């Protein structure tokens, strides 16, 4: 089956977790016909609940992305920051390609501040 770019989208871990939790709830209501799907859904949700997305909400992600508009970052770089919010300069260097040329030291500090503000670390 061929997909078109119009229907393609990136999903962050939070969105995947929300979709799979709904699917898991619906699957449990039905008979156990989709055994392997239920297993994959359960394992994925279990994994995602131990990641940063556990503390995120749709609103916090939206606010973070709004605040990130001032930086010239790609969609995939922003997605990586939502999935694994950068807490150090090194993490930004790993996420942002050619970060030394594209971001100033002040930009890097501001991104870390925004990540800490809108996407708090797991306690």
N, C-alpha and C. Protein backbone atom coordinates (compact mmCIF):
# COMPACT_ATOMS: atom_id res chain seq x y z
N UNK A 1 0.84 -1.17 0.00
CA UNK A 1 0.00 0.00 0.00
C UNK A 1 0.89 1.23 0.00
N UNK A 2 0.57 2.16 -0.84
CA UNK A 2 1.38 3.37 -0.99
C UNK A 2 0.77 4.50 -0.17
N UNK A 3 1.63 5.22 0.55
CA UNK A 3 1.15 6.37 1.31
C UNK A 3 1.57 7.64 0.60
N UNK A 4 0.75 8.65 0.71
CA UNK A 4 1.08 9.93 0.10
C UNK A 4 1.62 10.86 1.17
N UNK A 5 2.39 11.85 0.71
CA UNK A 5 2.95 12.80 1.67
C UNK A 5 1.87 13.60 2.38
N UNK A 6 0.73 13.78 1.76
CA UNK A 6 -0.35 14.54 2.38
C UNK A 6 -0.85 13.84 3.64
N UNK A 7 -0.75 12.52 3.67
CA UNK A 7 -1.23 11.76 4.82
C UNK A 7 -0.11 11.39 5.79
N UNK A 8 1.12 11.74 5.47
CA UNK A 8 2.25 11.38 6.31
C UNK A 8 2.43 12.42 7.41
N UNK A 9 2.82 11.93 8.58
CA UNK A 9 3.07 12.85 9.70
C UNK A 9 4.02 12.19 10.67
N UNK A 10 4.71 13.02 11.42
CA UNK A 10 5.56 12.54 12.50
C UNK A 10 4.74 12.52 13.77
N UNK A 11 4.91 11.49 14.57
CA UNK A 11 4.25 11.42 15.86
C UNK A 11 5.32 11.39 16.95
N UNK A 12 5.10 12.13 18.00
CA UNK A 12 6.02 12.07 19.13
C UNK A 12 5.63 10.89 20.01
N UNK A 13 6.52 10.53 20.91
CA UNK A 13 6.26 9.39 21.79
C UNK A 13 4.98 9.55 22.58
N UNK A 14 4.68 10.77 23.03
CA UNK A 14 3.46 11.03 23.79
C UNK A 14 2.23 10.66 22.95
N UNK A 15 2.21 11.08 21.68
CA UNK A 15 1.07 10.78 20.81
C UNK A 15 0.95 9.28 20.56
N UNK A 16 2.06 8.61 20.36
CA UNK A 16 2.04 7.17 20.15
C UNK A 16 1.49 6.47 21.39
N UNK A 17 1.96 6.90 22.56
CA UNK A 17 1.49 6.30 23.80
C UNK A 17 -0.03 6.50 23.96
N UNK A 18 -0.54 7.69 23.65
CA UNK A 18 -1.98 7.95 23.76
C UNK A 18 -2.78 7.07 22.82
N UNK A 19 -2.32 6.94 21.59
CA UNK A 19 -3.02 6.11 20.60
C UNK A 19 -3.02 4.65 21.03
N UNK A 20 -1.86 4.17 21.48
CA UNK A 20 -1.78 2.76 21.88
C UNK A 20 -2.57 2.46 23.14
N UNK A 21 -2.64 3.41 24.07
CA UNK A 21 -3.46 3.19 25.26
C UNK A 21 -4.94 3.06 24.89
N UNK A 22 -5.40 3.89 23.95
CA UNK A 22 -6.79 3.78 23.49
C UNK A 22 -7.01 2.45 22.79
N UNK A 23 -6.04 2.06 21.95
CA UNK A 23 -6.14 0.79 21.23
C UNK A 23 -6.14 -0.37 22.22
N UNK A 24 -5.30 -0.28 23.24
CA UNK A 24 -5.23 -1.33 24.27
C UNK A 24 -6.56 -1.44 25.00
N UNK A 25 -7.16 -0.32 25.35
CA UNK A 25 -8.45 -0.33 26.03
C UNK A 25 -9.53 -0.95 25.15
N UNK A 26 -9.53 -0.59 23.87
CA UNK A 26 -10.52 -1.15 22.94
C UNK A 26 -10.30 -2.63 22.71
N UNK A 27 -9.05 -3.06 22.64
CA UNK A 27 -8.73 -4.46 22.40
C UNK A 27 -9.14 -5.31 23.59
N UNK A 28 -8.96 -4.78 24.80
CA UNK A 28 -9.35 -5.54 26.00
C UNK A 28 -10.85 -5.75 26.05
N UNK A 29 -11.61 -4.83 25.49
CA UNK A 29 -13.06 -4.96 25.49
C UNK A 29 -13.51 -6.06 24.53
N UNK A 30 -12.75 -6.25 23.46
CA UNK A 30 -13.10 -7.29 22.48
C UNK A 30 -12.55 -8.62 22.97
N UNK A 31 -12.91 -9.66 22.25
CA UNK A 31 -12.35 -10.96 22.56
C UNK A 31 -10.87 -10.95 22.21
N UNK A 32 -10.13 -11.84 22.74
CA UNK A 32 -8.68 -11.87 22.57
C UNK A 32 -8.27 -12.39 21.18
N UNK A 33 -8.93 -11.89 20.15
CA UNK A 33 -8.62 -12.33 18.79
C UNK A 33 -7.26 -11.83 18.33
N UNK A 34 -6.93 -10.59 18.67
CA UNK A 34 -5.68 -9.99 18.21
C UNK A 34 -4.61 -10.17 19.27
N UNK A 35 -4.22 -11.40 19.55
CA UNK A 35 -3.26 -11.69 20.61
C UNK A 35 -1.92 -11.03 20.41
N UNK A 36 -1.34 -11.12 19.22
CA UNK A 36 -0.01 -10.54 19.00
C UNK A 36 -0.08 -9.01 18.99
N UNK A 37 -1.15 -8.44 18.47
CA UNK A 37 -1.32 -7.00 18.49
C UNK A 37 -1.43 -6.51 19.93
N UNK A 38 -2.16 -7.23 20.73
CA UNK A 38 -2.30 -6.86 22.14
C UNK A 38 -0.96 -6.90 22.85
N UNK A 39 -0.13 -7.88 22.52
CA UNK A 39 1.19 -8.00 23.14
C UNK A 39 2.09 -6.84 22.73
N UNK A 40 2.11 -6.52 21.46
CA UNK A 40 2.93 -5.41 20.98
C UNK A 40 2.45 -4.09 21.59
N UNK A 41 1.14 -3.91 21.63
CA UNK A 41 0.57 -2.70 22.21
C UNK A 41 0.96 -2.59 23.69
N UNK A 42 0.79 -3.66 24.42
CA UNK A 42 1.12 -3.65 25.85
C UNK A 42 2.59 -3.34 26.07
N UNK A 43 3.47 -4.02 25.34
CA UNK A 43 4.91 -3.82 25.53
C UNK A 43 5.34 -2.40 25.16
N UNK A 44 4.77 -1.86 24.11
CA UNK A 44 5.13 -0.50 23.68
C UNK A 44 4.65 0.53 24.70
N UNK A 45 3.42 0.40 25.16
CA UNK A 45 2.89 1.33 26.17
C UNK A 45 3.72 1.22 27.44
N UNK A 46 4.04 0.00 27.84
CA UNK A 46 4.85 -0.22 29.04
C UNK A 46 6.21 0.47 28.91
N UNK A 47 6.84 0.35 27.74
CA UNK A 47 8.12 1.02 27.50
C UNK A 47 7.97 2.54 27.54
N UNK A 48 6.97 3.08 26.83
CA UNK A 48 6.80 4.52 26.75
C UNK A 48 6.46 5.15 28.10
N UNK A 49 5.82 4.41 28.98
CA UNK A 49 5.49 4.94 30.29
C UNK A 49 6.73 5.13 31.16
N UNK A 50 7.85 4.58 30.75
CA UNK A 50 9.11 4.77 31.48
C UNK A 50 9.99 5.82 30.81
N UNK A 51 9.45 6.56 29.84
CA UNK A 51 10.23 7.59 29.16
C UNK A 51 9.70 8.97 29.54
N UNK A 52 10.33 9.99 28.99
CA UNK A 52 9.97 11.38 29.27
C UNK A 52 8.50 11.69 28.93
N UNK A 53 7.92 10.99 27.98
CA UNK A 53 6.56 11.32 27.55
C UNK A 53 5.53 11.07 28.64
N UNK A 54 5.90 10.31 29.67
CA UNK A 54 4.99 10.06 30.78
C UNK A 54 4.57 11.36 31.47
N UNK A 55 5.47 12.33 31.52
CA UNK A 55 5.20 13.61 32.20
C UNK A 55 4.71 14.70 31.26
N UNK A 56 4.53 14.38 30.00
CA UNK A 56 4.14 15.38 29.02
C UNK A 56 2.63 15.39 28.82
N UNK A 57 2.17 16.50 28.26
CA UNK A 57 0.77 16.61 27.87
C UNK A 57 0.73 17.26 26.49
N UNK A 58 -0.39 17.18 25.85
CA UNK A 58 -0.53 17.81 24.53
C UNK A 58 -0.29 19.31 24.64
N UNK A 59 -0.76 19.90 25.73
CA UNK A 59 -0.59 21.35 25.91
C UNK A 59 0.88 21.73 26.11
N UNK A 60 1.60 20.95 26.93
CA UNK A 60 3.00 21.28 27.18
C UNK A 60 3.84 21.12 25.91
N UNK A 61 3.52 20.12 25.12
CA UNK A 61 4.24 19.92 23.85
C UNK A 61 3.95 21.07 22.91
N UNK A 62 2.68 21.48 22.82
CA UNK A 62 2.31 22.59 21.95
C UNK A 62 3.01 23.88 22.37
N UNK A 63 3.04 24.15 23.66
CA UNK A 63 3.71 25.36 24.15
C UNK A 63 5.21 25.31 23.85
N UNK A 64 5.82 24.14 24.02
CA UNK A 64 7.24 24.00 23.72
C UNK A 64 7.50 24.27 22.24
N UNK A 65 6.68 23.68 21.37
CA UNK A 65 6.88 23.87 19.92
C UNK A 65 6.65 25.33 19.52
N UNK A 66 5.69 25.99 20.15
CA UNK A 66 5.48 27.42 19.88
C UNK A 66 6.71 28.22 20.26
N UNK A 67 7.28 27.92 21.41
CA UNK A 67 8.47 28.63 21.88
C UNK A 67 9.69 28.35 21.00
N UNK A 68 9.69 27.21 20.33
CA UNK A 68 10.83 26.82 19.49
C UNK A 68 10.79 27.45 18.10
N UNK A 69 9.71 28.15 17.77
CA UNK A 69 9.59 28.75 16.43
C UNK A 69 10.68 29.78 16.15
N UNK A 70 11.25 30.37 17.19
CA UNK A 70 12.30 31.37 17.00
C UNK A 70 13.63 30.79 16.56
N UNK A 71 13.76 29.48 16.61
CA UNK A 71 15.00 28.82 16.23
C UNK A 71 14.80 28.12 14.89
N UNK A 72 15.83 28.12 14.09
CA UNK A 72 15.73 27.49 12.77
C UNK A 72 16.07 26.01 12.90
N UNK A 73 15.08 25.24 13.32
CA UNK A 73 15.26 23.80 13.50
C UNK A 73 14.32 23.06 12.56
N UNK A 74 14.73 21.87 12.17
CA UNK A 74 13.88 21.05 11.31
C UNK A 74 12.80 20.38 12.15
N UNK A 75 11.79 19.86 11.46
CA UNK A 75 10.71 19.15 12.15
C UNK A 75 11.27 17.94 12.91
N UNK A 76 12.19 17.23 12.30
CA UNK A 76 12.74 16.04 12.97
C UNK A 76 13.58 16.42 14.18
N UNK A 77 14.28 17.55 14.13
CA UNK A 77 15.04 18.00 15.30
C UNK A 77 14.11 18.37 16.44
N UNK A 78 13.01 19.05 16.12
CA UNK A 78 12.03 19.40 17.15
C UNK A 78 11.39 18.14 17.73
N UNK A 79 11.09 17.18 16.87
CA UNK A 79 10.51 15.92 17.33
C UNK A 79 11.47 15.21 18.28
N UNK A 80 12.74 15.17 17.94
CA UNK A 80 13.72 14.53 18.82
C UNK A 80 13.79 15.25 20.16
N UNK A 81 13.66 16.58 20.15
CA UNK A 81 13.69 17.33 21.40
C UNK A 81 12.46 17.07 22.25
N UNK A 82 11.32 16.85 21.62
CA UNK A 82 10.12 16.50 22.37
C UNK A 82 10.26 15.10 22.97
N UNK A 83 10.75 14.16 22.18
CA UNK A 83 10.90 12.78 22.65
C UNK A 83 11.98 12.64 23.71
N UNK A 84 13.08 13.37 23.55
CA UNK A 84 14.19 13.33 24.50
C UNK A 84 14.61 14.77 24.76
N UNK A 85 13.93 15.47 25.64
CA UNK A 85 14.23 16.87 25.87
C UNK A 85 15.70 17.08 26.27
N UNK A 86 16.37 18.01 25.58
CA UNK A 86 17.79 18.23 25.88
C UNK A 86 17.97 18.92 27.22
N UNK A 87 18.88 18.38 28.01
CA UNK A 87 19.20 18.96 29.32
C UNK A 87 20.61 19.53 29.36
N UNK A 88 21.42 19.21 28.34
CA UNK A 88 22.80 19.69 28.29
C UNK A 88 23.14 20.17 26.88
N UNK A 89 24.23 20.91 26.77
CA UNK A 89 24.69 21.38 25.47
C UNK A 89 25.06 20.20 24.57
N UNK A 90 25.64 19.17 25.15
CA UNK A 90 26.01 17.99 24.37
C UNK A 90 24.79 17.35 23.72
N UNK A 91 23.70 17.25 24.45
CA UNK A 91 22.50 16.65 23.88
C UNK A 91 21.99 17.47 22.69
N UNK A 92 22.10 18.79 22.77
CA UNK A 92 21.69 19.62 21.64
C UNK A 92 22.61 19.38 20.45
N UNK A 93 23.89 19.23 20.70
CA UNK A 93 24.83 18.95 19.61
C UNK A 93 24.50 17.62 18.94
N UNK A 94 24.03 16.66 19.71
CA UNK A 94 23.68 15.36 19.15
C UNK A 94 22.37 15.40 18.36
N UNK A 95 21.48 16.31 18.74
CA UNK A 95 20.18 16.40 18.08
C UNK A 95 20.23 17.31 16.86
N UNK A 96 20.87 18.46 17.00
CA UNK A 96 20.87 19.47 15.94
C UNK A 96 22.11 19.32 15.07
N UNK A 97 21.87 19.04 13.81
CA UNK A 97 22.96 18.89 12.87
C UNK A 97 23.66 20.25 12.66
N UNK A 98 24.96 20.25 12.72
CA UNK A 98 25.77 21.46 12.57
C UNK A 98 25.34 22.54 13.56
N UNK A 99 25.12 22.13 14.81
CA UNK A 99 24.60 23.05 15.82
C UNK A 99 25.55 24.23 16.08
N UNK A 100 26.85 24.02 15.97
CA UNK A 100 27.80 25.10 16.23
C UNK A 100 27.62 26.25 15.25
N UNK A 101 27.27 25.94 14.01
CA UNK A 101 27.08 26.97 12.99
C UNK A 101 25.67 27.57 13.05
N UNK A 102 24.70 26.77 13.45
CA UNK A 102 23.31 27.20 13.39
C UNK A 102 22.79 27.85 14.67
N UNK A 103 23.42 27.55 15.81
CA UNK A 103 22.93 28.05 17.08
C UNK A 103 24.04 28.75 17.85
N UNK A 104 23.70 29.88 18.46
CA UNK A 104 24.66 30.57 19.32
C UNK A 104 24.63 29.91 20.70
N UNK A 105 25.59 30.27 21.54
CA UNK A 105 25.60 29.74 22.90
C UNK A 105 24.34 30.16 23.65
N UNK A 106 23.88 31.37 23.40
CA UNK A 106 22.65 31.87 24.02
C UNK A 106 21.44 31.05 23.55
N UNK A 107 21.40 30.71 22.25
CA UNK A 107 20.32 29.88 21.72
C UNK A 107 20.29 28.52 22.43
N UNK A 108 21.45 27.94 22.61
CA UNK A 108 21.55 26.63 23.26
C UNK A 108 21.03 26.72 24.69
N UNK A 109 21.45 27.73 25.42
CA UNK A 109 20.98 27.91 26.80
C UNK A 109 19.46 28.11 26.83
N UNK A 110 18.95 28.88 25.89
CA UNK A 110 17.50 29.15 25.85
C UNK A 110 16.72 27.87 25.54
N UNK A 111 17.21 27.05 24.64
CA UNK A 111 16.54 25.79 24.31
C UNK A 111 16.49 24.88 25.53
N UNK A 112 17.59 24.81 26.26
CA UNK A 112 17.62 23.99 27.48
C UNK A 112 16.63 24.53 28.50
N UNK A 113 16.57 25.84 28.66
CA UNK A 113 15.60 26.45 29.58
C UNK A 113 14.16 26.12 29.18
N UNK A 114 13.87 26.23 27.88
CA UNK A 114 12.52 25.94 27.39
C UNK A 114 12.16 24.47 27.60
N UNK A 115 13.12 23.59 27.35
CA UNK A 115 12.87 22.16 27.56
C UNK A 115 12.58 21.89 29.03
N UNK A 116 13.34 22.50 29.92
CA UNK A 116 13.11 22.30 31.35
C UNK A 116 11.78 22.90 31.81
N UNK A 117 11.39 24.01 31.19
CA UNK A 117 10.14 24.67 31.57
C UNK A 117 8.91 23.90 31.09
N UNK A 118 8.90 23.53 29.82
CA UNK A 118 7.70 22.92 29.23
C UNK A 118 7.70 21.39 29.26
N UNK A 119 8.88 20.79 29.26
CA UNK A 119 8.98 19.32 29.24
C UNK A 119 9.83 18.87 30.42
N UNK A 120 9.29 18.95 31.63
CA UNK A 120 10.08 18.66 32.83
C UNK A 120 10.62 17.24 32.86
N UNK A 121 11.76 17.10 33.51
CA UNK A 121 12.42 15.80 33.61
C UNK A 121 11.62 14.88 34.52
N UNK A 122 11.80 13.59 34.31
CA UNK A 122 11.17 12.59 35.17
C UNK A 122 11.77 12.70 36.56
N UNK A 123 10.93 12.77 37.60
CA UNK A 123 11.47 12.90 38.96
C UNK A 123 12.22 11.66 39.41
